[in-house]
Amino acid sequence: MEKDTQNRNLDLKTIQVLKFLFNPPPPPQQYPVGENGFEFQQSLVEALYGLNIWDRLRALINVLKILSEQNSSSTSG
């Protein structure tokens, strides 16, 4: 009786794995990206991983500038 239950559980796990392997992936999600999205991302990475403090500080100021421009354009528009 116990072996029958173990086999049934194993079969259910096998079916779940096979469903996962043979189902197509979902379509990629499209998110709205602002006009300065790439510049923001680039500055954020530089602020976090810059080699020296001056590069990090300059990039952080750029990130804050982009955010303030975005906030001012969203409140006026």
C-alpha atoms as a PDB file:
ATOM      1  CA  MET A   1       0.000   0.000   0.000  1.00  0.00           C
ATOM      2  CA  GLU A   2       2.806   2.404   0.922  1.00  0.00           C
ATOM      3  CA  LYS A   3       4.734   1.554  -2.252  1.00  0.00           C
ATOM      4  CA  ASP A   4       1.619   2.285  -4.323  1.00  0.00           C
ATOM      5  CA  THR A   5       1.350   5.738  -2.720  1.00  0.00           C
ATOM      6  CA  GLN A   6       5.036   6.437  -3.381  1.00  0.00           C
ATOM      7  CA  ASN A   7       4.645   5.428  -7.037  1.00  0.00           C
ATOM      8  CA  ARG A   8       1.589   7.671  -7.406  1.00  0.00           C
ATOM      9  CA  ASN A   9       3.499  10.626  -5.885  1.00  0.00           C
ATOM     10  CA  LEU A  10       6.439   9.934  -8.187  1.00  0.00           C
ATOM     11  CA  ASP A  11       4.132   9.842 -11.201  1.00  0.00           C
ATOM     12  CA  LEU A  12       2.580  13.182 -10.222  1.00  0.00           C
ATOM     13  CA  LYS A  13       6.017  14.768  -9.826  1.00  0.00           C
ATOM     14  CA  THR A  14       7.074  13.386 -13.199  1.00  0.00           C
ATOM     15  CA  ILE A  15       3.968  14.841 -14.840  1.00  0.00           C
ATOM     16  CA  GLN A  16       4.630  18.246 -13.258  1.00  0.00           C
ATOM     17  CA  VAL A  17       8.231  18.243 -14.494  1.00  0.00           C
ATOM     18  CA  LEU A  18       7.175  17.227 -17.994  1.00  0.00           C
ATOM     19  CA  LYS A  19       4.532  19.976 -18.093  1.00  0.00           C
ATOM     20  CA  PHE A  20       7.190  22.493 -17.081  1.00  0.00           C
ATOM     21  CA  LEU A  21       9.667  21.264 -19.700  1.00  0.00           C
ATOM     22  CA  PHE A  22       7.281  21.145 -22.637  1.00  0.00           C
ATOM     23  CA  ASN A  23       5.184  24.266 -22.116  1.00  0.00           C
ATOM     24  CA  PRO A  24       6.294  27.256 -24.146  1.00  0.00           C
ATOM     25  CA  PRO A  25       7.636  30.210 -22.166  1.00  0.00           C
ATOM     26  CA  PRO A  26       5.328  33.194 -21.679  1.00  0.00           C
ATOM     27  CA  PRO A  27       5.768  36.147 -24.029  1.00  0.00           C
ATOM     28  CA  PRO A  28       8.240  38.811 -22.890  1.00  0.00           C
ATOM     29  CA  GLN A  29       6.782  41.695 -20.944  1.00  0.00           C
ATOM     30  CA  GLN A  30       6.994  45.136 -22.414  1.00  0.00           C
ATOM     31  CA  TYR A  31       7.460  47.940 -19.917  1.00  0.00           C
ATOM     32  CA  PRO A  32       7.240  51.607 -20.805  1.00  0.00           C
ATOM     33  CA  VAL A  33      10.710  53.107 -20.850  1.00  0.00           C
ATOM     34  CA  GLY A  34      11.269  56.838 -20.580  1.00  0.00           C
ATOM     35  CA  GLU A  35      13.293  58.789 -23.081  1.00  0.00           C
ATOM     36  CA  ASN A  36      16.271  58.887 -20.711  1.00  0.00           C
ATOM     37  CA  GLY A  37      15.949  55.306 -19.402  1.00  0.00           C
ATOM     38  CA  PHE A  38      19.308  54.170 -20.720  1.00  0.00           C
ATOM     39  CA  GLU A  39      21.092  57.210 -19.301  1.00  0.00           C
ATOM     40  CA  PHE A  40      19.436  56.610 -15.918  1.00  0.00           C
ATOM     41  CA  GLN A  41      20.461  52.943 -15.887  1.00  0.00           C
ATOM     42  CA  GLN A  42      24.001  53.750 -16.923  1.00  0.00           C
ATOM     43  CA  SER A  43      24.363  56.421 -14.232  1.00  0.00           C
ATOM     44  CA  LEU A  44      22.862  54.161 -11.574  1.00  0.00           C
ATOM     45  CA  VAL A  45      25.336  51.379 -12.351  1.00  0.00           C
ATOM     46  CA  GLU A  46      28.200  53.869 -12.302  1.00  0.00           C
ATOM     47  CA  ALA A  47      27.007  55.238  -8.951  1.00  0.00           C
ATOM     48  CA  LEU A  48      26.902  51.761  -7.434  1.00  0.00           C
ATOM     49  CA  TYR A  49      30.004  50.227  -9.007  1.00  0.00           C
ATOM     50  CA  GLY A  50      32.228  53.179  -9.923  1.00  0.00           C
ATOM     51  CA  LEU A  51      35.949  52.755  -9.435  1.00  0.00           C
ATOM     52  CA  ASN A  52      36.512  55.907  -7.414  1.00  0.00           C
ATOM     53  CA  ILE A  53      34.484  58.229  -5.240  1.00  0.00           C
ATOM     54  CA  TRP A  54      34.392  61.075  -7.779  1.00  0.00           C
ATOM     55  CA  ASP A  55      32.919  58.907 -10.531  1.00  0.00           C
ATOM     56  CA  ARG A  56      30.326  57.604  -8.084  1.00  0.00           C
ATOM     57  CA  LEU A  57      29.439  61.083  -6.885  1.00  0.00           C
ATOM     58  CA  ARG A  58      29.117  62.451 -10.422  1.00  0.00           C
ATOM     59  CA  ALA A  59      26.899  59.519 -11.410  1.00  0.00           C
ATOM     60  CA  LEU A  60      24.741  59.924  -8.291  1.00  0.00           C
ATOM     61  CA  ILE A  61      24.220  63.597  -9.097  1.00  0.00           C
ATOM     62  CA  ASN A  62      23.239  62.605 -12.625  1.00  0.00           C
ATOM     63  CA  VAL A  63      20.720  60.065 -11.265  1.00  0.00           C
ATOM     64  CA  LEU A  64      19.189  62.692  -9.002  1.00  0.00           C
ATOM     65  CA  LYS A  65      19.043  65.155 -11.896  1.00  0.00           C
ATOM     66  CA  ILE A  66      17.225  62.630 -14.088  1.00  0.00           C
ATOM     67  CA  LEU A  67      14.775  61.825 -11.289  1.00  0.00           C
ATOM     68  CA  SER A  68      14.038  65.485 -10.638  1.00  0.00           C
ATOM     69  CA  GLU A  69      13.488  66.117 -14.365  1.00  0.00           C
ATOM     70  CA  GLN A  70      11.127  63.156 -14.514  1.00  0.00           C
ATOM     71  CA  ASN A  71       9.185  64.380 -11.465  1.00  0.00           C
ATOM     72  CA  SER A  72       8.896  67.911 -12.817  1.00  0.00           C
ATOM     73  CA  SER A  73       7.677  66.674 -16.207  1.00  0.00           C
ATOM     74  CA  SER A  74       5.129  64.309 -14.656  1.00  0.00           C
ATOM     75  CA  THR A  75       3.621  67.007 -12.403  1.00  0.00           C
ATOM     76  CA  SER A  76       3.368  69.539 -15.236  1.00  0.00           C
ATOM     77  CA  GLY A  77       2.012  67.086 -17.817  1.00  0.00           C
END
